[in-house]
Amino acid sequence: MTLNSEIVMSNQAHLYLANLRYCLSQNKLFIQSSLKEQAWTPLWELLANVGTFGLVIPKKDGGSQLGYLAYTSAMMELSRCSPSLGLSFIAHADLCINQIFRFATKEQKKRWLPLLIQGKALGALALSEQEVGSDALAIQTKAEKVKG
C-alpha cells in the first residue's frame, strides 16, 4: 500500500495567497509602522480585506473555507513579512476565531465571527493565574457547567 503524500491546494487558495503576497509587498512600510505603533485596527482591516482571517471557517459562517493548507501558507507569508505579525495572526485566527467556531454557542458565533473575520475586532487568548503566571500546565482553575 502506498500513501499519496501530495497535498493539493485549490485554485482559489492559490489566488488568495498571490493576493496576500502582493498586499504584503505593497504595504511593507505601513505594516512595519502599524506594528511599531501597535496600531492594530487599520492593519487588521487591511488583512481582512484580503480575506486572511476566515480561511478555515465555512462559507455559511462568513469564512472562505480555503482550508488548513491555505491557513498555514498565509501564516508563513505573514511571518516572512514580520514574525510578530505571523504570531498575531495565529492568536487571532486560530486561538480565537477557530475556537469560537468550534466551541461557541450559535449566539456567540453570530455575534463574534463576523467582527473577527472582518478585522473589526482583535482576537486573543488570555491564559494566566496569579500564582503561576502563564504556565499553562500549572493552572489550577477549573470550569464546571451549572444550570442556569
C-alpha atoms as a PDB file:
ATOM      1  CA  MET A   1       0.000   0.000   0.000  1.00  0.00           C
ATOM      2  CA  THR A   2       1.322   3.439  -0.890  1.00  0.00           C
ATOM      3  CA  LEU A   3       0.192   6.701   0.560  1.00  0.00           C
ATOM      4  CA  ASN A   4      -0.328   9.689  -1.659  1.00  0.00           C
ATOM      5  CA  SER A   5       1.525  12.413   0.200  1.00  0.00           C
ATOM      6  CA  GLU A   6       0.749  15.096  -2.361  1.00  0.00           C
ATOM      7  CA  ILE A   7      -1.334  17.866  -0.894  1.00  0.00           C
ATOM      8  CA  VAL A   8      -3.300  19.877  -3.390  1.00  0.00           C
ATOM      9  CA  MET A   9      -4.468  23.417  -2.799  1.00  0.00           C
ATOM     10  CA  SER A  10      -7.419  24.796  -4.735  1.00  0.00           C
ATOM     11  CA  ASN A  11      -7.003  27.430  -7.444  1.00  0.00           C
ATOM     12  CA  GLN A  12      -8.965  29.810  -5.217  1.00  0.00           C
ATOM     13  CA  ALA A  13      -6.422  29.262  -2.404  1.00  0.00           C
ATOM     14  CA  HIS A  14      -3.537  29.910  -4.817  1.00  0.00           C
ATOM     15  CA  LEU A  15      -5.213  33.148  -5.932  1.00  0.00           C
ATOM     16  CA  TYR A  16      -5.733  34.194  -2.309  1.00  0.00           C
ATOM     17  CA  LEU A  17      -2.051  33.590  -1.489  1.00  0.00           C
ATOM     18  CA  ALA A  18      -0.885  35.516  -4.555  1.00  0.00           C
ATOM     19  CA  ASN A  19      -3.149  38.388  -3.497  1.00  0.00           C
ATOM     20  CA  LEU A  20      -1.821  38.223   0.083  1.00  0.00           C
ATOM     21  CA  ARG A  21       1.816  38.288  -1.131  1.00  0.00           C
ATOM     22  CA  TYR A  22       1.054  41.294  -3.323  1.00  0.00           C
ATOM     23  CA  CYS A  23      -0.736  43.086  -0.473  1.00  0.00           C
ATOM     24  CA  LEU A  24       2.182  42.451   1.906  1.00  0.00           C
ATOM     25  CA  SER A  25       4.764  43.611  -0.630  1.00  0.00           C
ATOM     26  CA  GLN A  26       2.823  46.799  -1.429  1.00  0.00           C
ATOM     27  CA  ASN A  27       2.222  47.680   2.229  1.00  0.00           C
ATOM     28  CA  LYS A  28       5.534  46.827   3.925  1.00  0.00           C
ATOM     29  CA  LEU A  29       6.136  50.291   5.373  1.00  0.00           C
ATOM     30  CA  PHE A  30       2.534  50.597   6.549  1.00  0.00           C
ATOM     31  CA  ILE A  31       2.721  47.155   8.184  1.00  0.00           C
ATOM     32  CA  GLN A  32       6.034  47.926   9.887  1.00  0.00           C
ATOM     33  CA  SER A  33       4.823  51.275  11.225  1.00  0.00           C
ATOM     34  CA  SER A  34       1.499  49.745  12.365  1.00  0.00           C
ATOM     35  CA  LEU A  35       3.352  47.054  14.297  1.00  0.00           C
ATOM     36  CA  LYS A  36       5.784  49.548  15.801  1.00  0.00           C
ATOM     37  CA  GLU A  37       2.977  51.862  16.908  1.00  0.00           C
ATOM     38  CA  GLN A  38       0.702  48.935  17.871  1.00  0.00           C
ATOM     39  CA  ALA A  39      -1.966  50.329  15.549  1.00  0.00           C
ATOM     40  CA  TRP A  40      -3.862  47.079  15.052  1.00  0.00           C
ATOM     41  CA  THR A  41      -7.185  48.332  13.707  1.00  0.00           C
ATOM     42  CA  PRO A  42      -6.013  49.576  10.281  1.00  0.00           C
ATOM     43  CA  LEU A  43      -3.613  46.648   9.921  1.00  0.00           C
ATOM     44  CA  TRP A  44      -6.308  44.093  10.751  1.00  0.00           C
ATOM     45  CA  GLU A  45      -8.747  45.771   8.338  1.00  0.00           C
ATOM     46  CA  LEU A  46      -6.117  45.598   5.571  1.00  0.00           C
ATOM     47  CA  LEU A  47      -5.563  41.881   6.174  1.00  0.00           C
ATOM     48  CA  ALA A  48      -9.300  41.220   6.484  1.00  0.00           C
ATOM     49  CA  ASN A  49      -9.907  42.912   3.120  1.00  0.00           C
ATOM     50  CA  VAL A  50      -7.582  40.356   1.546  1.00  0.00           C
ATOM     51  CA  GLY A  51      -9.541  37.548   3.237  1.00  0.00           C
ATOM     52  CA  THR A  52      -6.939  36.481   5.774  1.00  0.00           C
ATOM     53  CA  PHE A  53      -8.993  35.657   8.862  1.00  0.00           C
ATOM     54  CA  GLY A  54     -11.636  33.130   7.839  1.00  0.00           C
ATOM     55  CA  LEU A  55      -9.533  30.678   5.880  1.00  0.00           C
ATOM     56  CA  VAL A  56     -10.688  27.545   7.726  1.00  0.00           C
ATOM     57  CA  ILE A  57     -14.192  28.756   8.544  1.00  0.00           C
ATOM     58  CA  PRO A  58     -17.070  27.512   6.335  1.00  0.00           C
ATOM     59  CA  LYS A  59     -18.640  29.996   3.945  1.00  0.00           C
ATOM     60  CA  LYS A  60     -22.004  29.720   5.729  1.00  0.00           C
ATOM     61  CA  ASP A  61     -20.287  31.145   8.827  1.00  0.00           C
ATOM     62  CA  GLY A  62     -18.581  34.013   6.973  1.00  0.00           C
ATOM     63  CA  GLY A  63     -15.278  32.351   6.140  1.00  0.00           C
ATOM     64  CA  SER A  64     -13.707  31.482   2.817  1.00  0.00           C
ATOM     65  CA  GLN A  65     -13.325  27.756   3.560  1.00  0.00           C
ATOM     66  CA  LEU A  66      -9.936  27.564   1.813  1.00  0.00           C
ATOM     67  CA  GLY A  67      -8.576  25.091   4.355  1.00  0.00           C
ATOM     68  CA  TYR A  68      -5.615  24.498   6.608  1.00  0.00           C
ATOM     69  CA  LEU A  69      -3.022  24.410   3.837  1.00  0.00           C
ATOM     70  CA  ALA A  70      -4.017  27.946   2.820  1.00  0.00           C
ATOM     71  CA  TYR A  71      -4.030  28.913   6.522  1.00  0.00           C
ATOM     72  CA  THR A  72      -0.515  27.506   7.039  1.00  0.00           C
ATOM     73  CA  SER A  73       0.729  29.170   3.862  1.00  0.00           C
ATOM     74  CA  ALA A  74      -0.765  32.501   4.982  1.00  0.00           C
ATOM     75  CA  MET A  75       0.954  32.125   8.354  1.00  0.00           C
ATOM     76  CA  MET A  76       4.275  31.593   6.566  1.00  0.00           C
ATOM     77  CA  GLU A  77       3.773  34.634   4.322  1.00  0.00           C
ATOM     78  CA  LEU A  78       2.778  36.847   7.244  1.00  0.00           C
ATOM     79  CA  SER A  79       5.731  35.585   9.302  1.00  0.00           C
ATOM     80  CA  ARG A  80       8.071  36.229   6.396  1.00  0.00           C
ATOM     81  CA  CYS A  81       6.832  39.832   6.392  1.00  0.00           C
ATOM     82  CA  SER A  82       7.139  40.077  10.193  1.00  0.00           C
ATOM     83  CA  PRO A  83       7.451  37.271  12.767  1.00  0.00           C
ATOM     84  CA  SER A  84       5.280  39.215  15.211  1.00  0.00           C
ATOM     85  CA  LEU A  85       2.616  39.602  12.525  1.00  0.00           C
ATOM     86  CA  GLY A  86       2.628  35.842  11.960  1.00  0.00           C
ATOM     87  CA  LEU A  87       2.224  35.139  15.676  1.00  0.00           C
ATOM     88  CA  SER A  88      -0.521  37.746  15.999  1.00  0.00           C
ATOM     89  CA  PHE A  89      -2.320  36.119  13.065  1.00  0.00           C
ATOM     90  CA  ILE A  90      -2.133  32.715  14.806  1.00  0.00           C
ATOM     91  CA  ALA A  91      -3.548  34.156  18.029  1.00  0.00           C
ATOM     92  CA  HIS A  92      -6.374  35.887  16.163  1.00  0.00           C
ATOM     93  CA  ALA A  93      -7.243  33.236  13.576  1.00  0.00           C
ATOM     94  CA  ASP A  94      -6.612  30.017  15.470  1.00  0.00           C
ATOM     95  CA  LEU A  95      -6.638  30.660  19.196  1.00  0.00           C
ATOM     96  CA  CYS A  96      -9.663  32.944  18.889  1.00  0.00           C
ATOM     97  CA  ILE A  97     -11.685  32.593  15.662  1.00  0.00           C
ATOM     98  CA  ASN A  98     -11.270  28.847  15.234  1.00  0.00           C
ATOM     99  CA  GLN A  99     -12.059  28.139  18.888  1.00  0.00           C
ATOM    100  CA  ILE A 100     -15.198  30.268  18.739  1.00  0.00           C
ATOM    101  CA  PHE A 101     -16.210  28.449  15.561  1.00  0.00           C
ATOM    102  CA  ARG A 102     -15.639  25.047  17.172  1.00  0.00           C
ATOM    103  CA  PHE A 103     -16.980  25.566  20.680  1.00  0.00           C
ATOM    104  CA  ALA A 104     -19.173  28.660  20.954  1.00  0.00           C
ATOM    105  CA  THR A 105     -22.952  28.777  21.064  1.00  0.00           C
ATOM    106  CA  LYS A 106     -24.855  29.831  17.948  1.00  0.00           C
ATOM    107  CA  GLU A 107     -25.454  33.234  19.524  1.00  0.00           C
ATOM    108  CA  GLN A 108     -21.754  33.725  20.296  1.00  0.00           C
ATOM    109  CA  LYS A 109     -20.780  32.687  16.767  1.00  0.00           C
ATOM    110  CA  LYS A 110     -23.325  35.068  15.271  1.00  0.00           C
ATOM    111  CA  ARG A 111     -22.045  37.931  17.413  1.00  0.00           C
ATOM    112  CA  TRP A 112     -18.281  37.424  17.167  1.00  0.00           C
ATOM    113  CA  LEU A 113     -17.325  35.573  13.976  1.00  0.00           C
ATOM    114  CA  PRO A 114     -18.321  38.362  11.555  1.00  0.00           C
ATOM    115  CA  LEU A 115     -16.468  41.012  13.586  1.00  0.00           C
ATOM    116  CA  LEU A 116     -13.331  38.888  13.926  1.00  0.00           C
ATOM    117  CA  ILE A 117     -13.267  37.691  10.306  1.00  0.00           C
ATOM    118  CA  GLN A 118     -13.836  41.246   9.007  1.00  0.00           C
ATOM    119  CA  GLY A 119     -10.983  42.565  11.167  1.00  0.00           C
ATOM    120  CA  LYS A 120     -13.310  44.795  13.195  1.00  0.00           C
ATOM    121  CA  ALA A 121     -12.347  43.048  16.436  1.00  0.00           C
ATOM    122  CA  LEU A 122      -8.971  41.756  17.566  1.00  0.00           C
ATOM    123  CA  GLY A 123      -8.960  38.229  18.965  1.00  0.00           C
ATOM    124  CA  ALA A 124      -6.604  36.817  21.544  1.00  0.00           C
ATOM    125  CA  LEU A 125      -6.309  34.189  24.236  1.00  0.00           C
ATOM    126  CA  ALA A 126      -5.758  35.102  27.864  1.00  0.00           C
ATOM    127  CA  LEU A 127      -4.024  32.439  29.891  1.00  0.00           C
ATOM    128  CA  SER A 128      -2.891  33.415  33.334  1.00  0.00           C
ATOM    129  CA  GLU A 129      -3.283  32.880  37.052  1.00  0.00           C
ATOM    130  CA  GLN A 130      -1.854  34.974  39.849  1.00  0.00           C
ATOM    131  CA  GLU A 131       0.171  32.135  41.393  1.00  0.00           C
ATOM    132  CA  VAL A 132       1.563  30.576  38.176  1.00  0.00           C
ATOM    133  CA  GLY A 133       1.600  33.348  35.578  1.00  0.00           C
ATOM    134  CA  SER A 134       1.189  31.959  32.058  1.00  0.00           C
ATOM    135  CA  ASP A 135       2.419  28.406  32.780  1.00  0.00           C
ATOM    136  CA  ALA A 136      -0.493  26.534  31.199  1.00  0.00           C
ATOM    137  CA  LEU A 137       0.390  23.222  32.855  1.00  0.00           C
ATOM    138  CA  ALA A 138       0.358  24.727  36.350  1.00  0.00           C
ATOM    139  CA  ILE A 139      -3.042  26.443  36.118  1.00  0.00           C
ATOM    140  CA  GLN A 140      -5.451  25.257  38.817  1.00  0.00           C
ATOM    141  CA  THR A 141      -8.706  26.932  37.722  1.00  0.00           C
ATOM    142  CA  LYS A 142     -11.397  24.550  36.527  1.00  0.00           C
ATOM    143  CA  ALA A 143     -14.728  25.277  34.902  1.00  0.00           C
ATOM    144  CA  GLU A 144     -17.871  23.493  35.915  1.00  0.00           C
ATOM    145  CA  LYS A 145     -21.072  23.642  33.922  1.00  0.00           C
ATOM    146  CA  VAL A 146     -24.020  24.702  36.049  1.00  0.00           C
ATOM    147  CA  LYS A 147     -27.679  25.026  35.244  1.00  0.00           C
ATOM    148  CA  GLY A 148     -28.996  28.499  34.710  1.00  0.00           C
END
